[in-house]
N, C-alpha and C. Protein backbone atom coordinates (compact mmCIF):
# COMPACT_ATOMS: atom_id res chain seq x y z
N UNK A 1 124.86 66.11 73.12
CA UNK A 1 124.03 65.75 74.28
C UNK A 1 123.46 67.00 74.95
N UNK A 2 124.33 68.01 75.09
CA UNK A 2 123.88 69.24 75.72
C UNK A 2 122.82 69.92 74.87
N UNK A 3 122.95 69.81 73.55
CA UNK A 3 121.95 70.41 72.67
C UNK A 3 120.61 69.69 72.80
N UNK A 4 120.66 68.35 72.95
CA UNK A 4 119.42 67.59 73.16
C UNK A 4 118.73 68.03 74.44
N UNK A 5 119.50 68.25 75.47
CA UNK A 5 118.93 68.72 76.73
C UNK A 5 118.30 70.11 76.57
N UNK A 6 118.96 70.93 75.75
CA UNK A 6 118.43 72.27 75.50
C UNK A 6 117.10 72.19 74.76
N UNK A 7 117.00 71.29 73.77
CA UNK A 7 115.75 71.12 73.04
C UNK A 7 114.63 70.64 73.96
N UNK A 8 114.96 69.72 74.84
CA UNK A 8 113.96 69.23 75.79
C UNK A 8 113.49 70.37 76.70
N UNK A 9 114.43 71.19 77.08
CA UNK A 9 114.09 72.33 77.93
C UNK A 9 113.15 73.30 77.21
N UNK A 10 113.43 73.54 75.92
CA UNK A 10 112.59 74.44 75.14
C UNK A 10 111.18 73.87 74.96
N UNK A 11 111.10 72.56 74.78
CA UNK A 11 109.79 71.92 74.65
C UNK A 11 108.99 72.09 75.94
N UNK A 12 109.68 71.93 77.05
CA UNK A 12 109.02 72.09 78.35
C UNK A 12 108.56 73.54 78.54
N UNK A 13 109.42 74.48 78.15
CA UNK A 13 109.06 75.89 78.27
C UNK A 13 107.88 76.23 77.37
N UNK A 14 107.83 75.63 76.21
CA UNK A 14 106.73 75.88 75.28
C UNK A 14 105.40 75.42 75.87
N UNK A 15 105.43 74.27 76.54
CA UNK A 15 104.23 73.77 77.20
C UNK A 15 103.78 74.75 78.29
N UNK A 16 104.75 75.25 79.04
CA UNK A 16 104.46 76.22 80.10
C UNK A 16 103.86 77.50 79.54
N UNK A 17 104.44 77.97 78.43
CA UNK A 17 103.94 79.18 77.78
C UNK A 17 102.51 78.99 77.28
N UNK A 18 102.25 77.84 76.67
CA UNK A 18 100.91 77.56 76.16
C UNK A 18 99.88 77.51 77.28
N UNK A 19 100.27 76.90 78.40
CA UNK A 19 99.37 76.84 79.55
C UNK A 19 99.07 78.24 80.07
N UNK A 20 100.10 79.08 80.12
CA UNK A 20 99.91 80.45 80.60
C UNK A 20 99.03 81.24 79.64
N UNK A 21 99.23 81.04 78.34
CA UNK A 21 98.40 81.72 77.35
C UNK A 21 96.94 81.29 77.45
N UNK A 22 96.74 80.00 77.66
CA UNK A 22 95.37 79.49 77.81
C UNK A 22 94.72 80.08 79.06
N UNK A 23 95.49 80.17 80.13
CA UNK A 23 94.95 80.72 81.37
C UNK A 23 94.62 82.20 81.20
N UNK A 24 95.50 82.94 80.53
CA UNK A 24 95.23 84.36 80.30
C UNK A 24 93.99 84.55 79.44
N UNK A 25 93.80 83.66 78.46
CA UNK A 25 92.60 83.76 77.63
C UNK A 25 91.35 83.49 78.45
N UNK A 26 91.43 82.55 79.37
CA UNK A 26 90.28 82.27 80.23
C UNK A 26 89.98 83.48 81.11
N UNK A 27 91.02 84.17 81.56
CA UNK A 27 90.83 85.39 82.35
C UNK A 27 90.20 86.49 81.50
N UNK A 28 90.65 86.61 80.26
CA UNK A 28 90.06 87.62 79.37
C UNK A 28 88.57 87.34 79.15
N UNK A 29 88.23 86.08 78.99
CA UNK A 29 86.82 85.71 78.82
C UNK A 29 86.01 86.08 80.07
N UNK A 30 86.60 85.86 81.22
CA UNK A 30 85.93 86.21 82.48
C UNK A 30 85.77 87.72 82.60
N UNK A 31 86.79 88.46 82.20
CA UNK A 31 86.71 89.92 82.22
C UNK A 31 85.60 90.41 81.29
N UNK A 32 85.46 89.78 80.14
CA UNK A 32 84.41 90.17 79.20
C UNK A 32 83.03 90.01 79.82
N UNK A 33 82.84 88.93 80.55
CA UNK A 33 81.56 88.72 81.24
C UNK A 33 81.35 89.78 82.31
N UNK A 34 82.40 90.09 83.04
CA UNK A 34 82.32 91.11 84.09
C UNK A 34 82.00 92.47 83.50
N UNK A 35 82.56 92.76 82.34
CA UNK A 35 82.39 94.07 81.72
C UNK A 35 80.97 94.33 81.24
N UNK A 36 80.18 93.28 81.10
CA UNK A 36 78.78 93.48 80.71
C UNK A 36 78.06 94.34 81.74
N UNK A 37 78.39 94.14 83.01
CA UNK A 37 77.79 94.96 84.07
C UNK A 37 78.26 96.41 83.95
N UNK A 38 79.51 96.60 83.57
CA UNK A 38 80.03 97.96 83.38
C UNK A 38 79.36 98.65 82.20
N UNK A 39 79.15 97.91 81.13
CA UNK A 39 78.50 98.48 79.95
C UNK A 39 77.09 98.95 80.29
N UNK A 40 76.38 98.15 81.07
CA UNK A 40 75.04 98.55 81.50
C UNK A 40 75.10 99.77 82.41
N UNK A 41 76.10 99.78 83.29
CA UNK A 41 76.27 100.93 84.18
C UNK A 41 76.57 102.20 83.40
N UNK A 42 77.44 102.09 82.40
CA UNK A 42 77.80 103.25 81.60
C UNK A 42 76.60 103.77 80.82
N UNK A 43 75.80 102.86 80.29
CA UNK A 43 74.61 103.27 79.54
C UNK A 43 73.66 104.04 80.44
N UNK A 44 73.49 103.58 81.67
CA UNK A 44 72.63 104.29 82.62
C UNK A 44 73.24 105.64 83.01
N UNK A 45 74.55 105.65 83.23
CA UNK A 45 75.22 106.88 83.66
C UNK A 45 75.13 107.98 82.61
N UNK A 46 75.11 107.60 81.34
CA UNK A 46 75.07 108.59 80.26
C UNK A 46 73.75 109.35 80.21
N UNK A 47 72.77 108.88 80.96
CA UNK A 47 71.48 109.58 81.00
C UNK A 47 71.59 110.94 81.69
N UNK A 48 72.72 111.19 82.37
CA UNK A 48 72.86 112.48 83.06
C UNK A 48 72.75 113.65 82.09
N UNK A 49 73.07 113.40 80.84
CA UNK A 49 73.11 114.49 79.86
C UNK A 49 71.72 114.86 79.34
N UNK A 50 70.72 114.07 79.70
CA UNK A 50 69.35 114.38 79.27
C UNK A 50 68.37 114.32 80.43
N UNK A 51 68.90 114.28 81.65
CA UNK A 51 68.05 114.13 82.83
C UNK A 51 68.17 115.36 83.73
N UNK A 52 67.03 115.91 84.11
CA UNK A 52 67.01 117.04 85.03
C UNK A 52 67.57 116.61 86.39
N UNK A 53 68.14 117.56 87.10
CA UNK A 53 68.78 117.25 88.38
C UNK A 53 67.81 116.60 89.35
N UNK A 54 66.57 117.03 89.35
CA UNK A 54 65.58 116.50 90.29
C UNK A 54 65.26 115.03 90.02
N UNK A 55 65.57 114.55 88.81
CA UNK A 55 65.25 113.16 88.45
C UNK A 55 66.49 112.26 88.41
N UNK A 56 67.65 112.81 88.70
CA UNK A 56 68.90 112.05 88.57
C UNK A 56 68.95 110.86 89.51
N UNK A 57 68.47 111.02 90.73
CA UNK A 57 68.56 109.93 91.71
C UNK A 57 67.82 108.68 91.21
N UNK A 58 66.59 108.87 90.76
CA UNK A 58 65.78 107.73 90.34
C UNK A 58 66.21 107.20 88.97
N UNK A 59 66.48 108.09 88.04
CA UNK A 59 66.74 107.67 86.65
C UNK A 59 68.19 107.34 86.35
N UNK A 60 69.11 107.83 87.18
CA UNK A 60 70.54 107.60 86.90
C UNK A 60 71.25 106.89 88.05
N UNK A 61 71.24 107.49 89.22
CA UNK A 61 72.04 106.96 90.32
C UNK A 61 71.61 105.56 90.74
N UNK A 62 70.33 105.35 90.94
CA UNK A 62 69.86 104.05 91.44
C UNK A 62 70.11 102.90 90.45
N UNK A 63 69.73 103.03 89.17
CA UNK A 63 70.00 101.91 88.25
C UNK A 63 71.49 101.69 87.99
N UNK A 64 72.26 102.77 87.96
CA UNK A 64 73.70 102.62 87.74
C UNK A 64 74.37 101.96 88.94
N UNK A 65 73.96 102.34 90.13
CA UNK A 65 74.50 101.73 91.35
C UNK A 65 74.22 100.24 91.38
N UNK A 66 73.05 99.84 90.93
CA UNK A 66 72.70 98.42 90.89
C UNK A 66 73.64 97.64 89.97
N UNK A 67 73.96 98.20 88.82
CA UNK A 67 74.89 97.56 87.89
C UNK A 67 76.30 97.48 88.48
N UNK A 68 76.72 98.53 89.16
CA UNK A 68 78.05 98.54 89.77
C UNK A 68 78.15 97.52 90.90
N UNK A 69 77.05 97.32 91.60
CA UNK A 69 77.04 96.30 92.66
C UNK A 69 77.29 94.92 92.07
N UNK A 70 76.65 94.64 90.93
CA UNK A 70 76.87 93.35 90.26
C UNK A 70 78.31 93.21 89.80
N UNK A 71 78.87 94.31 89.30
CA UNK A 71 80.28 94.29 88.89
C UNK A 71 81.18 94.00 90.08
N UNK A 72 80.94 94.66 91.20
CA UNK A 72 81.78 94.46 92.39
C UNK A 72 81.73 93.02 92.86
N UNK A 73 80.54 92.45 92.90
CA UNK A 73 80.40 91.07 93.35
C UNK A 73 81.15 90.12 92.42
N UNK A 74 81.07 90.36 91.13
CA UNK A 74 81.78 89.53 90.15
C UNK A 74 83.28 89.66 90.33
N UNK A 75 83.76 90.90 90.45
CA UNK A 75 85.19 91.16 90.60
C UNK A 75 85.75 90.49 91.86
N UNK A 76 85.05 90.64 92.95
CA UNK A 76 85.53 90.06 94.21
C UNK A 76 85.57 88.54 94.16
N UNK A 77 84.53 87.94 93.59
CA UNK A 77 84.46 86.48 93.58
C UNK A 77 85.43 85.85 92.59
N UNK A 78 85.68 86.51 91.47
CA UNK A 78 86.52 85.92 90.42
C UNK A 78 87.98 86.35 90.47
N UNK A 79 88.25 87.48 91.11
CA UNK A 79 89.62 88.00 91.10
C UNK A 79 90.15 88.30 92.51
N UNK A 80 89.66 89.35 93.12
CA UNK A 80 90.26 89.84 94.37
C UNK A 80 90.27 88.81 95.49
N UNK A 81 89.15 88.10 95.66
CA UNK A 81 89.07 87.13 96.76
C UNK A 81 89.54 85.73 96.36
N UNK A 82 89.73 85.52 95.09
CA UNK A 82 90.04 84.18 94.58
C UNK A 82 91.53 83.96 94.37
N UNK A 83 92.23 85.03 94.03
CA UNK A 83 93.64 84.91 93.64
C UNK A 83 94.58 85.24 94.79
N UNK A 84 95.76 84.66 94.73
CA UNK A 84 96.82 85.07 95.65
C UNK A 84 97.31 86.45 95.24
N UNK A 85 98.00 87.13 96.13
CA UNK A 85 98.52 88.46 95.82
C UNK A 85 99.45 88.42 94.60
N UNK A 86 100.29 87.42 94.55
CA UNK A 86 101.25 87.31 93.44
C UNK A 86 100.52 87.12 92.12
N UNK A 87 99.52 86.24 92.12
CA UNK A 87 98.77 85.97 90.88
C UNK A 87 97.99 87.20 90.45
N UNK A 88 97.37 87.88 91.40
CA UNK A 88 96.60 89.08 91.08
C UNK A 88 97.48 90.13 90.42
N UNK A 89 98.62 90.41 91.04
CA UNK A 89 99.51 91.45 90.52
C UNK A 89 100.11 91.06 89.17
N UNK A 90 100.26 89.77 88.94
CA UNK A 90 100.81 89.31 87.67
C UNK A 90 99.85 89.55 86.51
N UNK A 91 98.56 89.38 86.77
CA UNK A 91 97.58 89.44 85.68
C UNK A 91 96.66 90.66 85.74
N UNK A 92 96.86 91.56 86.68
CA UNK A 92 95.91 92.65 86.85
C UNK A 92 95.79 93.55 85.63
N UNK A 93 96.79 93.56 84.76
CA UNK A 93 96.70 94.38 83.55
C UNK A 93 95.53 93.96 82.67
N UNK A 94 95.05 92.74 82.86
CA UNK A 94 93.94 92.25 82.04
C UNK A 94 92.61 92.89 82.43
N UNK A 95 92.49 93.35 83.66
CA UNK A 95 91.24 93.98 84.10
C UNK A 95 91.45 95.39 84.65
N UNK A 96 92.63 95.95 84.49
CA UNK A 96 92.87 97.30 85.01
C UNK A 96 91.99 98.33 84.31
N UNK A 97 91.72 98.14 83.01
CA UNK A 97 90.83 99.07 82.31
C UNK A 97 89.41 98.99 82.88
N UNK A 98 89.01 97.78 83.26
CA UNK A 98 87.69 97.61 83.87
C UNK A 98 87.63 98.34 85.21
N UNK A 99 88.68 98.20 86.00
CA UNK A 99 88.74 98.89 87.29
C UNK A 99 88.72 100.40 87.08
N UNK A 100 89.42 100.85 86.06
CA UNK A 100 89.46 102.28 85.75
C UNK A 100 88.07 102.79 85.40
N UNK A 101 87.34 102.03 84.59
CA UNK A 101 85.98 102.43 84.21
C UNK A 101 85.06 102.42 85.41
N UNK A 102 85.19 101.39 86.24
CA UNK A 102 84.39 101.32 87.46
C UNK A 102 84.64 102.55 88.33
N UNK A 103 85.90 102.90 88.52
CA UNK A 103 86.25 104.06 89.33
C UNK A 103 85.65 105.34 88.76
N UNK A 104 85.73 105.48 87.44
CA UNK A 104 85.17 106.67 86.80
C UNK A 104 83.67 106.79 87.06
N UNK A 105 82.94 105.70 86.86
CA UNK A 105 81.49 105.74 87.05
C UNK A 105 81.15 106.02 88.51
N UNK A 106 81.90 105.39 89.42
CA UNK A 106 81.65 105.61 90.84
C UNK A 106 81.97 107.05 91.24
N UNK A 107 83.03 107.61 90.69
CA UNK A 107 83.36 109.02 90.94
C UNK A 107 82.24 109.92 90.44
N UNK A 108 81.70 109.60 89.27
CA UNK A 108 80.62 110.39 88.69
C UNK A 108 79.37 110.33 89.56
N UNK A 109 79.00 109.13 89.99
CA UNK A 109 77.81 108.98 90.83
C UNK A 109 77.98 109.73 92.15
N UNK A 110 79.17 109.65 92.71
CA UNK A 110 79.41 110.33 93.98
C UNK A 110 79.30 111.84 93.82
N UNK A 111 79.78 112.36 92.68
CA UNK A 111 79.63 113.79 92.44
C UNK A 111 78.15 114.15 92.30
N UNK A 112 77.42 113.38 91.53
CA UNK A 112 76.01 113.67 91.30
C UNK A 112 75.22 113.66 92.61
N UNK A 113 75.63 112.80 93.51
CA UNK A 113 74.89 112.65 94.76
C UNK A 113 75.33 113.66 95.82
N UNK A 114 76.64 113.87 95.95
CA UNK A 114 77.15 114.70 97.04
C UNK A 114 78.00 115.89 96.59
N UNK A 115 78.28 115.98 95.29
CA UNK A 115 79.19 117.00 94.76
C UNK A 115 80.52 116.95 95.52
N UNK A 116 80.99 115.73 95.72
CA UNK A 116 82.22 115.49 96.47
C UNK A 116 83.07 114.48 95.71
N UNK A 117 84.28 114.23 96.21
CA UNK A 117 85.22 113.37 95.51
C UNK A 117 85.60 112.17 96.36
N UNK A 118 85.51 110.98 95.78
CA UNK A 118 86.00 109.78 96.44
C UNK A 118 87.52 109.72 96.34
N UNK A 119 88.17 109.30 97.40
CA UNK A 119 89.63 109.25 97.42
C UNK A 119 90.15 107.90 96.92
N UNK A 120 91.43 107.89 96.59
CA UNK A 120 92.07 106.64 96.18
C UNK A 120 92.01 105.62 97.31
N UNK A 121 92.15 106.06 98.53
CA UNK A 121 92.10 105.16 99.68
C UNK A 121 90.74 104.48 99.78
N UNK A 122 89.68 105.21 99.50
CA UNK A 122 88.34 104.62 99.56
C UNK A 122 88.18 103.53 98.50
N UNK A 123 88.77 103.72 97.35
CA UNK A 123 88.71 102.69 96.31
C UNK A 123 89.53 101.47 96.69
N UNK A 124 90.61 101.67 97.42
CA UNK A 124 91.44 100.54 97.86
C UNK A 124 90.64 99.56 98.70
N UNK A 125 89.67 100.08 99.45
CA UNK A 125 88.83 99.22 100.27
C UNK A 125 88.00 98.28 99.39
N UNK A 126 87.69 98.72 98.18
CA UNK A 126 86.96 97.86 97.25
C UNK A 126 87.89 96.91 96.51
N UNK A 127 88.96 97.43 95.93
CA UNK A 127 89.84 96.59 95.11
C UNK A 127 90.67 95.64 95.96
N UNK A 128 90.87 96.00 97.23
CA UNK A 128 91.71 95.22 98.16
C UNK A 128 93.20 95.31 97.81
N UNK A 129 93.51 96.15 96.83
CA UNK A 129 94.91 96.35 96.45
C UNK A 129 95.14 97.84 96.24
N UNK A 130 96.33 98.32 96.58
CA UNK A 130 96.62 99.74 96.39
C UNK A 130 97.44 99.97 95.12
N UNK A 131 97.41 98.99 94.22
CA UNK A 131 98.23 99.06 93.02
C UNK A 131 97.47 99.65 91.83
N UNK A 132 96.29 100.23 92.10
CA UNK A 132 95.48 100.79 91.02
C UNK A 132 95.51 102.32 91.04
N UNK A 133 96.63 102.89 91.47
CA UNK A 133 96.74 104.34 91.57
C UNK A 133 96.57 105.01 90.22
N UNK A 134 97.25 104.51 89.20
CA UNK A 134 97.14 105.13 87.89
C UNK A 134 95.74 104.99 87.32
N UNK A 135 95.08 103.88 87.61
CA UNK A 135 93.69 103.73 87.18
C UNK A 135 92.82 104.80 87.81
N UNK A 136 93.08 105.10 89.07
CA UNK A 136 92.32 106.15 89.76
C UNK A 136 92.57 107.51 89.12
N UNK A 137 93.82 107.80 88.79
CA UNK A 137 94.15 109.09 88.19
C UNK A 137 93.53 109.24 86.80
N UNK A 138 93.57 108.16 86.02
CA UNK A 138 92.92 108.19 84.71
C UNK A 138 91.41 108.39 84.87
N UNK A 139 90.84 107.76 85.88
CA UNK A 139 89.41 107.89 86.14
C UNK A 139 89.06 109.33 86.52
N UNK A 140 89.92 109.97 87.30
CA UNK A 140 89.70 111.37 87.67
C UNK A 140 89.67 112.26 86.45
N UNK A 141 90.59 112.03 85.54
CA UNK A 141 90.64 112.84 84.32
C UNK A 141 89.40 112.60 83.47
N UNK A 142 88.95 111.35 83.41
CA UNK A 142 87.71 111.05 82.69
C UNK A 142 86.52 111.76 83.33
N UNK A 143 86.54 111.87 84.65
CA UNK A 143 85.47 112.58 85.35
C UNK A 143 85.44 114.05 84.93
N UNK A 144 86.59 114.67 84.84
CA UNK A 144 86.66 116.07 84.39
C UNK A 144 86.10 116.19 82.97
N UNK A 145 86.49 115.28 82.09
CA UNK A 145 85.97 115.29 80.72
C UNK A 145 84.45 115.19 80.70
N UNK A 146 83.92 114.28 81.50
CA UNK A 146 82.47 114.03 81.50
C UNK A 146 81.70 115.20 82.08
N UNK A 147 82.21 115.80 83.14
CA UNK A 147 81.51 116.93 83.75
C UNK A 147 81.61 118.18 82.88
N UNK A 148 82.66 118.27 82.08
CA UNK A 148 82.74 119.37 81.11
C UNK A 148 81.61 119.25 80.10
N UNK A 149 81.42 118.05 79.61
CA UNK A 149 80.30 117.80 78.68
C UNK A 149 78.97 118.07 79.37
N UNK A 150 78.85 117.67 80.62
CA UNK A 150 77.60 117.89 81.35
C UNK A 150 77.31 119.38 81.52
N UNK A 151 78.34 120.18 81.69
CA UNK A 151 78.16 121.62 81.85
C UNK A 151 77.38 122.21 80.69
N UNK A 152 77.76 121.82 79.49
CA UNK A 152 77.07 122.30 78.29
C UNK A 152 75.62 121.83 78.28
N UNK A 153 75.41 120.58 78.64
CA UNK A 153 74.06 120.01 78.57
C UNK A 153 73.14 120.52 79.67
N UNK A 154 73.70 120.96 80.80
CA UNK A 154 72.84 121.55 81.83
C UNK A 154 72.22 122.86 81.33
N UNK A 155 72.97 123.57 80.52
CA UNK A 155 72.44 124.81 79.94
C UNK A 155 71.32 124.50 78.97
N UNK A 156 71.50 123.46 78.17
CA UNK A 156 70.45 123.04 77.23
C UNK A 156 69.18 122.67 77.98
N UNK A 157 69.34 122.11 79.20
CA UNK A 157 68.19 121.73 80.02
C UNK A 157 67.69 122.89 80.90
N UNK A 158 68.24 124.09 80.66
CA UNK A 158 67.85 125.30 81.39
C UNK A 158 68.13 125.22 82.89
N UNK A 159 69.18 124.49 83.26
CA UNK A 159 69.59 124.43 84.67
C UNK A 159 70.83 125.32 84.83
N UNK A 160 70.58 126.61 84.88
CA UNK A 160 71.66 127.59 84.79
C UNK A 160 72.48 127.73 86.08
N UNK A 161 72.01 127.12 87.16
CA UNK A 161 72.74 127.22 88.42
C UNK A 161 73.86 126.17 88.53
N UNK A 162 73.84 125.17 87.68
CA UNK A 162 74.78 124.05 87.83
C UNK A 162 76.19 124.32 87.27
N UNK A 163 76.34 125.04 86.17
CA UNK A 163 77.69 125.23 85.62
C UNK A 163 78.70 125.82 86.61
N UNK A 164 78.29 126.79 87.43
CA UNK A 164 79.24 127.38 88.39
C UNK A 164 79.68 126.36 89.42
N UNK A 165 78.75 125.53 89.87
CA UNK A 165 79.09 124.51 90.87
C UNK A 165 80.03 123.47 90.27
N UNK A 166 79.74 123.08 89.04
CA UNK A 166 80.62 122.12 88.36
C UNK A 166 82.00 122.72 88.17
N UNK A 167 82.04 123.99 87.78
CA UNK A 167 83.32 124.67 87.55
C UNK A 167 84.16 124.70 88.82
N UNK A 168 83.55 125.02 89.95
CA UNK A 168 84.29 125.08 91.22
C UNK A 168 84.87 123.71 91.57
N UNK A 169 84.08 122.68 91.34
CA UNK A 169 84.54 121.31 91.62
C UNK A 169 85.70 120.93 90.71
N UNK A 170 85.57 121.22 89.43
CA UNK A 170 86.62 120.87 88.47
C UNK A 170 87.92 121.61 88.76
N UNK A 171 87.82 122.84 89.19
CA UNK A 171 89.03 123.60 89.53
C UNK A 171 89.75 122.96 90.71
N UNK A 172 88.98 122.49 91.69
CA UNK A 172 89.59 121.83 92.84
C UNK A 172 90.31 120.55 92.42
N UNK A 173 89.67 119.77 91.53
CA UNK A 173 90.29 118.54 91.05
C UNK A 173 91.56 118.86 90.27
N UNK A 174 91.48 119.86 89.41
CA UNK A 174 92.64 120.24 88.59
C UNK A 174 93.80 120.71 89.46
N UNK A 175 93.50 121.51 90.46
CA UNK A 175 94.56 122.00 91.35
C UNK A 175 95.22 120.85 92.09
N UNK A 176 94.41 119.87 92.50
CA UNK A 176 94.97 118.71 93.18
C UNK A 176 95.88 117.91 92.26
N UNK A 177 95.43 117.69 91.04
CA UNK A 177 96.24 116.95 90.07
C UNK A 177 97.52 117.70 89.72
N UNK A 178 97.45 119.02 89.77
CA UNK A 178 98.62 119.84 89.42
C UNK A 178 99.78 119.64 90.40
N UNK A 179 99.48 119.12 91.56
CA UNK A 179 100.53 118.89 92.56
C UNK A 179 101.37 117.66 92.26
N UNK A 180 100.88 116.82 91.35
CA UNK A 180 101.56 115.57 91.04
C UNK A 180 102.66 115.77 90.01
N UNK A 181 103.72 115.01 90.16
CA UNK A 181 104.81 115.00 89.18
C UNK A 181 104.64 113.77 88.30
N UNK A 182 103.96 113.95 87.18
CA UNK A 182 103.59 112.82 86.33
C UNK A 182 104.81 112.22 85.64
N UNK A 183 104.99 110.92 85.81
CA UNK A 183 106.04 110.19 85.11
C UNK A 183 105.46 109.36 83.96
N UNK A 184 104.15 109.11 84.05
CA UNK A 184 103.47 108.34 83.02
C UNK A 184 103.13 109.27 81.85
N UNK A 185 103.68 109.00 80.67
CA UNK A 185 103.50 109.90 79.52
C UNK A 185 102.04 110.04 79.11
N UNK A 186 101.32 108.91 79.08
CA UNK A 186 99.91 108.96 78.68
C UNK A 186 99.10 109.79 79.67
N UNK A 187 99.40 109.63 80.94
CA UNK A 187 98.71 110.39 81.98
C UNK A 187 99.05 111.87 81.88
N UNK A 188 100.29 112.19 81.60
CA UNK A 188 100.71 113.58 81.44
C UNK A 188 99.97 114.24 80.28
N UNK A 189 99.86 113.54 79.16
CA UNK A 189 99.16 114.11 78.00
C UNK A 189 97.70 114.38 78.33
N UNK A 190 97.07 113.44 79.00
CA UNK A 190 95.66 113.62 79.36
C UNK A 190 95.49 114.78 80.34
N UNK A 191 96.42 114.87 81.29
CA UNK A 191 96.34 115.98 82.25
C UNK A 191 96.51 117.32 81.53
N UNK A 192 97.47 117.39 80.63
CA UNK A 192 97.72 118.64 79.90
C UNK A 192 96.50 119.09 79.11
N UNK A 193 95.67 118.14 78.68
CA UNK A 193 94.49 118.48 77.88
C UNK A 193 93.35 119.03 78.73
N UNK A 194 93.46 118.89 80.05
CA UNK A 194 92.37 119.33 80.93
C UNK A 194 92.17 120.84 80.89
N UNK A 195 93.21 121.58 80.58
CA UNK A 195 93.06 123.04 80.54
C UNK A 195 92.05 123.45 79.48
N UNK A 196 91.92 122.65 78.43
CA UNK A 196 90.93 122.96 77.40
C UNK A 196 89.52 122.71 77.93
N UNK A 197 89.38 121.68 78.76
CA UNK A 197 88.08 121.42 79.38
C UNK A 197 87.69 122.58 80.30
N UNK A 198 88.64 123.02 81.12
CA UNK A 198 88.36 124.12 82.04
C UNK A 198 88.02 125.40 81.29
N UNK A 199 88.72 125.65 80.20
CA UNK A 199 88.42 126.84 79.38
C UNK A 199 87.03 126.75 78.78
N UNK A 200 86.63 125.54 78.40
CA UNK A 200 85.30 125.35 77.82
C UNK A 200 84.22 125.64 78.86
N UNK A 201 84.43 125.17 80.07
CA UNK A 201 83.48 125.43 81.15
C UNK A 201 83.41 126.92 81.46
N UNK A 202 84.56 127.57 81.51
CA UNK A 202 84.58 129.01 81.76
C UNK A 202 83.86 129.77 80.65
N UNK A 203 83.97 129.26 79.42
CA UNK A 203 83.26 129.88 78.31
C UNK A 203 81.76 129.79 78.47
N UNK A 204 81.29 128.65 78.97
CA UNK A 204 79.85 128.48 79.22
C UNK A 204 79.38 129.47 80.29
N UNK A 205 80.15 129.59 81.36
CA UNK A 205 79.77 130.50 82.45
C UNK A 205 79.81 131.95 81.97
N UNK A 206 80.79 132.29 81.18
CA UNK A 206 80.89 133.66 80.65
C UNK A 206 79.68 133.99 79.78
N UNK A 207 79.28 133.03 78.96
CA UNK A 207 78.11 133.23 78.10
C UNK A 207 76.84 133.41 78.93
N UNK A 208 76.71 132.62 79.99
CA UNK A 208 75.54 132.76 80.87
C UNK A 208 75.54 134.12 81.56
N UNK A 209 76.72 134.59 81.93
CA UNK A 209 76.84 135.89 82.59
C UNK A 209 76.41 137.01 81.65
N UNK A 210 76.83 136.93 80.41
CA UNK A 210 76.44 137.95 79.42
C UNK A 210 74.94 137.98 79.22
N UNK A 211 74.32 136.82 79.37
CA UNK A 211 72.87 136.72 79.18
C UNK A 211 72.10 136.86 80.49
N UNK A 212 72.81 137.17 81.58
CA UNK A 212 72.20 137.32 82.91
C UNK A 212 71.40 136.08 83.32
N UNK A 213 72.00 134.92 83.09
CA UNK A 213 71.30 133.67 83.39
C UNK A 213 71.92 132.88 84.54
N UNK A 214 72.91 133.47 85.20
CA UNK A 214 73.49 132.74 86.35
C UNK A 214 73.52 133.61 87.60
């Protein structure tokens, strides 16, 4: 008799598991729709590598900002404003990569516009949750990677004044990150790789100095 009760319990649990799996799949489908706005934003943001600084506002910042606005509206309506705190925290791993990408693009745009850094607290005002700290840190590291690549391309575009400014900004970011005691192994590995990015930027500046171009 007790075994029969156990089987009934397992059947009930199986139904619960299937419902949860179906719900998670529906969330994944929703995330895929939301990510279309991010993909468009990323495509626009990548124009920085072929766009002169004087044209960045019109050709990069404005169209990318428009895509991010659509992403924010989608995220708020489908997740942040729709779910209870418990439900959001339970399933946030399904869209944490999306939030990370959003943060990276927003960090990049803010640098391009003001040569400044958005804080984790400022992003909390958007996400409505402070549980995306690691996403913010990963986004910061991605920003360093992207600006390292940009340093090389600014030279190709004959904008020789930009590498030093980028270098100063990256050093500030790196020094700030150096204060953290990383417990996340993936984050630690990515942080450790940043020294190669900084060395690459310094190499660009050194080459410009030898050629009297900065």
